[in-house]
N, C-alpha and C. Protein backbone atom coordinates (compact mmCIF):
# COMPACT_ATOMS: atom_id res chain seq x y z
N UNK A 1 87.32 93.77 121.84
CA UNK A 1 87.94 92.48 122.10
C UNK A 1 87.19 91.73 123.18
N UNK A 2 86.82 92.46 124.24
CA UNK A 2 86.07 91.82 125.32
C UNK A 2 84.65 91.53 124.84
N UNK A 3 84.17 90.34 125.15
CA UNK A 3 82.89 89.84 124.68
C UNK A 3 82.83 89.73 123.15
N UNK A 4 84.01 89.75 122.52
CA UNK A 4 84.05 89.62 121.07
C UNK A 4 83.39 90.79 120.36
N UNK A 5 83.58 91.98 120.89
CA UNK A 5 82.93 93.16 120.33
C UNK A 5 83.89 93.90 119.42
N UNK A 6 83.37 94.29 118.23
CA UNK A 6 84.20 95.11 117.37
C UNK A 6 83.45 96.35 116.94
N UNK A 7 84.21 97.43 116.82
CA UNK A 7 83.62 98.73 116.51
C UNK A 7 84.04 99.14 115.11
N UNK A 8 83.04 99.50 114.28
CA UNK A 8 83.31 99.92 112.92
C UNK A 8 82.97 101.39 112.77
N UNK A 9 83.98 102.19 112.42
CA UNK A 9 83.77 103.61 112.19
C UNK A 9 84.07 103.93 110.73
N UNK A 10 83.08 104.46 110.03
CA UNK A 10 83.31 104.86 108.64
C UNK A 10 83.42 106.38 108.57
N UNK A 11 83.83 106.88 107.43
CA UNK A 11 84.03 108.31 107.26
C UNK A 11 82.72 109.09 107.34
N UNK A 12 81.62 108.40 107.09
CA UNK A 12 80.31 109.06 107.11
C UNK A 12 79.75 109.16 108.52
N UNK A 13 80.47 108.62 109.50
CA UNK A 13 79.99 108.66 110.87
C UNK A 13 79.03 107.55 111.21
N UNK A 14 79.01 106.50 110.39
CA UNK A 14 78.12 105.37 110.66
C UNK A 14 78.82 104.39 111.58
N UNK A 15 78.29 104.24 112.78
CA UNK A 15 78.91 103.36 113.78
C UNK A 15 78.09 102.11 113.97
N UNK A 16 78.78 101.01 114.12
CA UNK A 16 78.08 99.74 114.32
C UNK A 16 78.72 98.95 115.45
N UNK A 17 77.93 98.60 116.44
CA UNK A 17 78.40 97.77 117.54
C UNK A 17 77.69 96.42 117.47
N UNK A 18 78.46 95.35 117.34
CA UNK A 18 77.85 94.03 117.23
C UNK A 18 78.35 93.15 118.37
N UNK A 19 77.41 92.50 119.04
CA UNK A 19 77.75 91.58 120.11
C UNK A 19 77.40 90.16 119.67
N UNK A 20 78.08 89.15 120.22
CA UNK A 20 77.77 87.76 119.90
C UNK A 20 76.35 87.37 120.31
N UNK A 21 75.74 88.15 121.19
CA UNK A 21 74.39 87.84 121.66
C UNK A 21 73.33 88.22 120.64
N UNK A 22 73.76 88.82 119.52
CA UNK A 22 72.82 89.20 118.48
C UNK A 22 72.38 90.65 118.60
N UNK A 23 73.05 91.40 119.47
CA UNK A 23 72.69 92.80 119.65
C UNK A 23 73.38 93.67 118.60
N UNK A 24 72.62 94.55 117.98
CA UNK A 24 73.19 95.45 116.98
C UNK A 24 72.75 96.87 117.27
N UNK A 25 73.71 97.76 117.45
CA UNK A 25 73.40 99.15 117.72
C UNK A 25 74.05 100.01 116.64
N UNK A 26 73.23 100.70 115.88
CA UNK A 26 73.74 101.52 114.78
C UNK A 26 73.42 102.98 115.03
N UNK A 27 74.41 103.84 114.79
CA UNK A 27 74.23 105.27 114.95
C UNK A 27 74.48 105.95 113.62
N UNK A 28 73.49 106.65 113.13
CA UNK A 28 73.60 107.30 111.84
C UNK A 28 74.01 108.76 112.02
N UNK A 29 74.62 109.39 110.97
CA UNK A 29 75.17 110.74 111.08
C UNK A 29 74.13 111.79 111.47
N UNK A 30 72.86 111.55 111.11
CA UNK A 30 71.85 112.56 111.42
C UNK A 30 71.31 112.42 112.83
N UNK A 31 71.94 111.58 113.63
CA UNK A 31 71.60 111.51 115.04
C UNK A 31 70.45 110.57 115.38
N UNK A 32 70.16 109.61 114.49
CA UNK A 32 69.12 108.63 114.80
C UNK A 32 69.77 107.28 115.03
N UNK A 33 69.53 106.71 116.19
CA UNK A 33 70.15 105.44 116.53
C UNK A 33 69.08 104.41 116.88
N UNK A 34 69.26 103.20 116.38
CA UNK A 34 68.32 102.14 116.71
C UNK A 34 69.07 100.88 117.09
N UNK A 35 68.60 100.23 118.14
CA UNK A 35 69.22 98.99 118.59
C UNK A 35 68.25 97.85 118.37
N UNK A 36 68.72 96.79 117.73
CA UNK A 36 67.85 95.67 117.42
C UNK A 36 68.37 94.40 118.09
N UNK A 37 67.49 93.75 118.82
CA UNK A 37 67.83 92.48 119.44
C UNK A 37 67.30 91.35 118.57
N UNK A 38 67.60 90.12 118.95
CA UNK A 38 67.11 88.96 118.21
C UNK A 38 65.59 88.87 118.31
N UNK A 39 65.04 89.39 119.41
CA UNK A 39 63.60 89.34 119.62
C UNK A 39 62.86 90.40 118.83
N UNK A 40 63.61 91.29 118.17
CA UNK A 40 62.99 92.33 117.36
C UNK A 40 62.72 93.61 118.14
N UNK A 41 63.43 93.78 119.25
CA UNK A 41 63.24 94.98 120.07
C UNK A 41 63.93 96.17 119.40
N UNK A 42 63.26 97.30 119.36
CA UNK A 42 63.82 98.50 118.75
C UNK A 42 63.77 99.66 119.75
N UNK A 43 64.92 100.26 119.99
CA UNK A 43 65.02 101.41 120.89
C UNK A 43 65.62 102.60 120.16
N UNK A 44 64.80 103.56 119.76
CA UNK A 44 65.32 104.76 119.09
C UNK A 44 65.96 105.71 120.10
N UNK A 45 66.85 106.53 119.60
CA UNK A 45 67.58 107.44 120.48
C UNK A 45 66.89 108.79 120.55
N UNK A 46 67.50 109.69 121.30
CA UNK A 46 66.97 111.03 121.43
C UNK A 46 67.28 111.82 120.16
N UNK A 47 66.48 112.86 119.84
CA UNK A 47 66.60 113.59 118.57
C UNK A 47 67.96 114.24 118.36
N UNK A 48 68.69 114.60 119.44
CA UNK A 48 69.94 115.32 119.25
C UNK A 48 71.13 114.36 119.11
N UNK A 49 70.84 113.07 118.93
CA UNK A 49 71.90 112.14 118.59
C UNK A 49 72.59 111.49 119.77
N UNK A 50 71.99 111.57 120.95
CA UNK A 50 72.59 110.89 122.10
C UNK A 50 71.78 109.63 122.41
N UNK A 51 72.44 108.50 122.25
CA UNK A 51 71.75 107.23 122.48
C UNK A 51 72.35 106.50 123.66
N UNK A 52 71.51 105.94 124.48
CA UNK A 52 71.98 105.18 125.64
C UNK A 52 71.21 103.88 125.75
N UNK A 53 71.92 102.77 125.57
CA UNK A 53 71.31 101.45 125.69
C UNK A 53 71.90 100.73 126.90
N UNK A 54 71.05 100.34 127.81
CA UNK A 54 71.53 99.69 129.02
C UNK A 54 71.04 98.24 129.05
N UNK A 55 72.00 97.32 129.18
CA UNK A 55 71.70 95.90 129.27
C UNK A 55 71.77 95.46 130.73
N UNK A 56 71.18 94.32 131.04
CA UNK A 56 71.26 93.80 132.39
C UNK A 56 72.70 93.57 132.87
N UNK A 57 73.64 93.44 131.93
CA UNK A 57 75.04 93.26 132.30
C UNK A 57 75.69 94.56 132.69
N UNK A 58 74.98 95.68 132.48
CA UNK A 58 75.52 96.97 132.85
C UNK A 58 76.26 97.65 131.70
N UNK A 59 75.97 97.23 130.46
CA UNK A 59 76.64 97.83 129.32
C UNK A 59 75.92 99.12 128.92
N UNK A 60 76.70 100.15 128.67
CA UNK A 60 76.11 101.41 128.21
C UNK A 60 76.75 101.82 126.90
N UNK A 61 75.91 102.21 125.93
CA UNK A 61 76.39 102.62 124.62
C UNK A 61 76.00 104.07 124.35
N UNK A 62 76.86 105.04 124.74
CA UNK A 62 76.56 106.42 124.40
C UNK A 62 77.03 106.76 123.00
N UNK A 63 76.19 107.46 122.25
CA UNK A 63 76.57 107.88 120.90
C UNK A 63 76.60 109.41 120.85
N UNK A 64 77.77 109.94 120.59
CA UNK A 64 77.93 111.38 120.56
C UNK A 64 77.41 111.94 119.24
N UNK A 65 76.98 113.22 119.24
CA UNK A 65 76.33 113.82 118.06
C UNK A 65 77.19 113.82 116.81
N UNK A 66 78.54 113.79 116.94
CA UNK A 66 79.38 113.84 115.74
C UNK A 66 79.68 112.45 115.20
N UNK A 67 78.98 111.45 115.70
CA UNK A 67 79.08 110.12 115.11
C UNK A 67 80.18 109.24 115.69
N UNK A 68 80.73 109.67 116.82
CA UNK A 68 81.73 108.83 117.48
C UNK A 68 81.04 108.06 118.60
N UNK A 69 81.17 106.74 118.55
CA UNK A 69 80.51 105.92 119.56
C UNK A 69 81.55 105.30 120.49
N UNK A 70 81.26 105.37 121.78
CA UNK A 70 82.18 104.82 122.77
C UNK A 70 81.48 103.75 123.59
N UNK A 71 82.23 102.75 123.97
CA UNK A 71 81.66 101.64 124.75
C UNK A 71 82.23 101.67 126.16
N UNK A 72 81.32 101.66 127.12
CA UNK A 72 81.76 101.64 128.51
C UNK A 72 81.25 100.37 129.18
N UNK A 73 82.17 99.61 129.73
CA UNK A 73 81.80 98.39 130.43
C UNK A 73 81.78 98.66 131.93
N UNK A 74 80.59 98.92 132.44
CA UNK A 74 80.46 99.17 133.87
C UNK A 74 79.86 97.93 134.54
N UNK A 75 80.70 96.95 134.70
CA UNK A 75 80.25 95.70 135.31
C UNK A 75 80.36 95.81 136.81
N UNK A 76 79.24 96.14 137.44
CA UNK A 76 79.23 96.27 138.88
C UNK A 76 78.62 95.02 139.50
N UNK A 77 79.45 94.19 140.08
CA UNK A 77 78.96 93.01 140.75
C UNK A 77 78.55 93.40 142.15
């Protein structure tokens, strides 16, 4: 809800985080995660399925190996 973010969880463990800024972070069941920005930036995750994307706003996107993705808003002013 905050920043207009919605989380989609399917039975296959495919998680999708979409932000209004054009950021898309997808986590696949086999533990490969890629984040794509509007500029075409790609950040692959670690082989064991743990992905961490840090934005200048302090957003962290950890992806657990069983396909559950959690969003933590650590806005430290």
